[in-house]
Amino acid sequence: MIADNLHPQRTRRIIVGISGASGVVLGVRALEVLREIGVETHLVMTRAAQVTLAHELPIKVSAVTNLASVVYREDDIAAAISSGSFRTDGMLVAPCSIRSMSAIASGVTTGLLARAADVVLKERRRLVLMLRETPLHLGHLRAMTQVTEMGAIVMPPVPAFYARPQTVDDIVDHSIGRALDLFGLDTGRIARWGESGLDQTTERAARNEPSEPIRTTSEIERRRA
């Protein structure tokens, strides 16, 4: 029997890709949560993602990269994550643009994000794509089918309104929590049907009891002022 100390338990390791699609907060939040739960993160952020960041969040690129354990340039063809011998638990692309998904589906790996995803697929590891696009034409749907047949999971960040989110942050946290569920990671941040009393809302509705409305972050800030 091989001694257990010859195979020490490896720290969980997730690749995080941030593409140029709207919703860069998803990638940022994923990095924050993964760091909180002790998961090693390897980040590749496209140039388009950096542009989107400037439009959507009041933070600099350095604030995002500082959240990751290891950071790679998009053109770093010698990066560890470009090789199948570098062991990971998979890759999360959040958000995932149609362009990135299409590149992954076709096997065109001109950038490190697509190459890392391609490696994850060929090594039969978990690849989760938080696709941010709507509406979808037939070409999009065919690419989604192709990448799914290759082993990826296409997971659009659809709000879980049954959880009665009060802020945008609540919606983001739930989406990231559900995405990380697919890697076997429990963030402890999401309300689960049947486990958090959420199914009791149907009983309240049957009794015509009022429920709390969804409030935006700006509304909550005005109340605090």
Protein backbone atom coordinates (compact mmCIF):
# COMPACT_ATOMS: atom_id res chain seq x y z
CA MET A 1 0.00 0.00 0.00
CA ILE A 2 1.32 3.44 -0.91
CA ALA A 3 1.81 5.65 2.11
CA ASP A 4 -0.68 8.49 2.38
CA ASN A 5 2.10 11.02 2.91
CA LEU A 6 3.28 10.40 -0.66
CA HIS A 7 0.05 12.00 -1.87
CA PRO A 8 -0.57 15.07 0.30
CA GLN A 9 -3.94 16.73 -0.11
CA ARG A 10 -3.72 19.52 -2.67
CA THR A 11 -5.23 22.94 -2.11
CA ARG A 12 -8.32 23.50 -4.22
CA ARG A 13 -7.35 25.46 -7.33
CA ILE A 14 -9.73 27.23 -9.71
CA ILE A 15 -8.95 29.18 -12.87
CA VAL A 16 -11.04 32.34 -13.16
CA GLY A 17 -11.46 33.91 -16.58
CA ILE A 18 -13.00 37.36 -16.96
CA SER A 19 -14.04 38.25 -20.50
CA GLY A 20 -15.30 41.53 -21.91
CA ALA A 21 -19.00 40.83 -21.50
CA SER A 22 -21.10 43.06 -19.29
CA GLY A 23 -21.24 41.81 -15.72
CA VAL A 24 -17.59 42.06 -14.70
CA VAL A 25 -18.82 42.19 -11.10
CA LEU A 26 -19.44 38.44 -11.40
CA GLY A 27 -15.76 37.73 -11.89
CA VAL A 28 -14.72 40.14 -9.17
CA ARG A 29 -17.15 38.62 -6.69
CA ALA A 30 -16.04 35.10 -7.61
CA LEU A 31 -12.45 36.03 -6.77
CA GLU A 32 -13.51 37.56 -3.46
CA VAL A 33 -15.56 34.54 -2.42
CA LEU A 34 -12.95 32.01 -3.50
CA ARG A 35 -10.32 33.82 -1.47
CA GLU A 36 -12.63 33.87 1.55
CA ILE A 37 -13.12 30.09 1.43
CA GLY A 38 -9.43 29.36 0.91
CA VAL A 39 -9.37 28.38 -2.77
CA GLU A 40 -6.28 29.17 -4.83
CA THR A 41 -7.23 31.26 -7.87
CA HIS A 42 -5.46 31.70 -11.20
CA LEU A 43 -6.77 34.74 -13.06
CA VAL A 44 -6.71 35.62 -16.73
CA MET A 45 -8.48 38.85 -17.63
CA THR A 46 -8.91 39.89 -21.26
CA ARG A 47 -8.22 43.40 -22.50
CA ALA A 48 -11.91 43.79 -23.28
CA ALA A 49 -12.66 42.90 -19.66
CA GLN A 50 -10.45 45.74 -18.50
CA VAL A 51 -12.44 48.15 -20.67
CA THR A 52 -15.72 46.81 -19.29
CA LEU A 53 -14.39 47.17 -15.75
CA ALA A 54 -13.77 50.89 -16.32
CA HIS A 55 -17.41 51.32 -17.40
CA GLU A 56 -19.09 49.19 -14.75
CA LEU A 57 -17.16 49.40 -11.46
CA PRO A 58 -15.36 52.25 -9.65
CA ILE A 59 -12.19 50.20 -9.14
CA LYS A 60 -8.90 49.78 -10.97
CA VAL A 61 -7.61 46.65 -12.67
CA SER A 62 -5.03 46.29 -9.91
CA ALA A 63 -7.83 45.95 -7.34
CA VAL A 64 -9.10 42.94 -9.28
CA THR A 65 -5.74 41.29 -9.86
CA ASN A 66 -4.84 41.70 -6.18
CA LEU A 67 -7.72 39.36 -5.34
CA ALA A 68 -6.15 36.45 -7.24
CA SER A 69 -3.43 34.09 -6.06
CA VAL A 70 -1.74 34.13 -9.48
CA VAL A 71 -2.35 36.46 -12.44
CA TYR A 72 -1.51 35.85 -16.11
CA ARG A 73 -1.43 38.10 -19.15
CA GLU A 74 -3.85 37.20 -21.91
CA ASP A 75 -0.93 36.66 -24.31
CA ASP A 76 1.15 34.51 -21.94
CA ILE A 77 1.39 31.31 -23.97
CA ALA A 78 3.83 29.81 -21.44
CA ALA A 79 1.42 30.20 -18.51
CA ALA A 80 0.99 27.23 -16.19
CA ILE A 81 -2.74 27.09 -16.96
CA SER A 82 -1.98 26.52 -20.65
CA SER A 83 -0.71 23.02 -19.86
CA GLY A 84 -2.75 19.98 -18.96
CA SER A 85 -0.04 18.79 -16.57
CA PHE A 86 -0.84 21.74 -14.31
CA ARG A 87 -3.54 20.36 -12.05
CA THR A 88 -6.66 22.40 -11.35
CA ASP A 89 -10.21 21.72 -10.26
CA GLY A 90 -11.54 23.47 -13.34
CA MET A 91 -12.30 26.91 -14.68
CA LEU A 92 -15.02 29.51 -14.20
CA VAL A 93 -15.49 32.17 -16.88
CA ALA A 94 -17.47 34.98 -15.32
CA PRO A 95 -18.79 36.76 -17.21
CA CYS A 96 -18.41 34.86 -20.47
CA SER A 97 -18.90 36.72 -23.73
CA ILE A 98 -20.32 35.14 -26.86
CA ARG A 99 -16.93 35.68 -28.50
CA SER A 100 -15.12 33.75 -25.77
CA MET A 101 -17.68 30.95 -25.76
CA SER A 102 -17.54 30.66 -29.55
CA ALA A 103 -13.74 30.50 -29.48
CA ILE A 104 -13.87 27.73 -26.88
CA ALA A 105 -16.53 25.84 -28.82
CA SER A 106 -14.50 25.97 -32.04
CA GLY A 107 -11.17 25.14 -30.43
CA VAL A 108 -9.63 28.43 -31.58
CA THR A 109 -7.25 29.31 -28.76
CA THR A 110 -5.66 32.58 -29.81
CA GLY A 111 -5.70 33.94 -26.24
CA LEU A 112 -4.92 32.43 -22.86
CA LEU A 113 -8.53 32.46 -21.65
CA ALA A 114 -9.66 30.24 -24.52
CA ARG A 115 -6.52 28.10 -24.27
CA ALA A 116 -7.00 27.51 -20.54
CA ALA A 117 -10.63 26.56 -21.15
CA ASP A 118 -9.57 24.21 -23.94
CA VAL A 119 -7.09 22.51 -21.60
CA VAL A 120 -9.77 22.11 -18.94
CA LEU A 121 -12.03 20.40 -21.47
CA LYS A 122 -9.37 18.06 -22.87
CA GLU A 123 -8.38 17.04 -19.34
CA ARG A 124 -12.06 16.33 -18.55
CA ARG A 125 -12.24 18.93 -15.81
CA ARG A 126 -15.10 21.25 -14.91
CA LEU A 127 -15.68 24.29 -17.12
CA VAL A 128 -18.49 26.69 -16.20
CA LEU A 129 -19.36 29.55 -18.56
CA MET A 130 -21.51 32.32 -17.09
CA LEU A 131 -22.76 33.48 -20.48
CA ARG A 132 -23.89 37.10 -20.65
CA GLU A 133 -25.88 37.72 -23.82
CA THR A 134 -29.52 38.17 -24.81
CA PRO A 135 -31.37 37.71 -27.07
CA LEU A 136 -29.67 34.80 -28.81
CA HIS A 137 -29.61 33.96 -32.51
CA LEU A 138 -29.22 30.50 -34.02
CA GLY A 139 -25.43 30.77 -34.24
CA HIS A 140 -25.24 31.48 -30.53
CA LEU A 141 -27.47 28.52 -29.72
CA ARG A 142 -25.42 26.20 -31.91
CA ALA A 143 -22.21 27.31 -30.21
CA MET A 144 -23.85 26.71 -26.83
CA THR A 145 -24.84 23.21 -27.95
CA GLN A 146 -21.35 22.49 -29.27
CA VAL A 147 -19.53 23.62 -26.14
CA THR A 148 -21.99 21.67 -23.98
CA GLU A 149 -21.38 18.52 -26.02
CA MET A 150 -17.65 19.07 -25.41
CA GLY A 151 -18.25 18.95 -21.66
CA ALA A 152 -18.72 22.56 -20.58
CA ILE A 153 -21.63 23.85 -18.53
CA VAL A 154 -23.30 26.98 -19.87
CA MET A 155 -24.74 28.83 -16.89
CA PRO A 156 -26.27 32.24 -17.59
CA PRO A 157 -26.42 34.30 -14.36
CA VAL A 158 -30.21 34.20 -14.09
CA PRO A 159 -31.58 35.89 -10.93
CA ALA A 160 -33.23 33.59 -8.39
CA PHE A 161 -36.22 35.74 -7.52
CA TYR A 162 -37.61 33.06 -5.20
CA ALA A 163 -34.78 34.01 -2.83
CA ARG A 164 -36.28 37.52 -2.63
CA PRO A 165 -33.05 39.46 -3.22
CA GLN A 166 -32.97 42.96 -1.75
CA THR A 167 -29.97 44.33 -3.63
CA VAL A 168 -27.95 43.70 -6.76
CA ASP A 169 -25.26 42.25 -4.49
CA ASP A 170 -27.75 39.61 -3.32
CA ILE A 171 -28.36 38.59 -6.93
CA VAL A 172 -24.64 38.45 -7.71
CA ASP A 173 -23.88 36.42 -4.56
CA HIS A 174 -26.56 33.87 -5.40
CA SER A 175 -25.36 33.50 -9.00
CA ILE A 176 -21.75 33.01 -7.91
CA GLY A 177 -22.80 30.62 -5.17
CA ARG A 178 -24.71 28.47 -7.64
CA ALA A 179 -21.78 28.51 -10.08
CA LEU A 180 -19.35 27.38 -7.38
CA ASP A 181 -21.80 24.65 -6.38
CA LEU A 182 -20.86 23.05 -9.69
CA PHE A 183 -17.28 22.70 -8.42
CA GLY A 184 -18.44 21.17 -5.16
CA LEU A 185 -17.75 24.41 -3.28
CA ASP A 186 -20.28 25.68 -0.75
CA THR A 187 -19.90 29.40 -0.13
CA GLY A 188 -22.51 29.44 2.62
CA ARG A 189 -23.90 32.59 1.05
CA ILE A 190 -26.95 31.42 -0.84
CA ALA A 191 -30.48 30.69 0.27
CA ARG A 192 -31.46 27.19 -0.81
CA TRP A 193 -34.99 26.02 -1.49
CA GLY A 194 -36.13 23.61 1.18
CA GLU A 195 -33.17 24.46 3.42
CA SER A 196 -33.68 28.14 4.21
CA GLY A 197 -37.42 28.40 4.69
CA LEU A 198 -37.83 29.79 1.18
CA ASP A 199 -40.55 27.28 0.35
CA GLN A 200 -42.62 28.83 3.13
CA THR A 201 -43.21 31.86 0.91
CA THR A 202 -45.90 29.89 -0.92
CA GLU A 203 -47.71 29.46 2.39
CA ARG A 204 -47.55 33.20 3.05
CA ALA A 205 -48.83 33.90 -0.44
CA ALA A 206 -51.76 31.55 0.14
CA ARG A 207 -52.63 33.56 3.25
CA ASN A 208 -52.33 36.81 1.25
CA GLU A 209 -49.57 38.05 3.55
CA PRO A 210 -47.51 40.91 2.08
CA SER A 211 -43.88 40.31 1.20
CA GLU A 212 -40.92 42.66 1.15
CA PRO A 213 -40.40 44.32 -2.25
CA ILE A 214 -37.08 44.10 -4.02
CA ARG A 215 -35.08 47.25 -3.32
CA THR A 216 -32.21 48.54 -5.40
CA THR A 217 -28.89 49.43 -3.85
CA SER A 218 -29.57 53.12 -4.50
CA GLU A 219 -32.89 52.92 -2.65
CA ILE A 220 -31.22 51.37 0.38
CA GLU A 221 -28.51 54.02 0.33
CA ARG A 222 -31.17 56.77 0.26
CA ARG A 223 -32.85 55.25 3.30
CA ARG A 224 -29.55 55.23 5.18
CA ALA A 225 -28.87 58.88 4.34
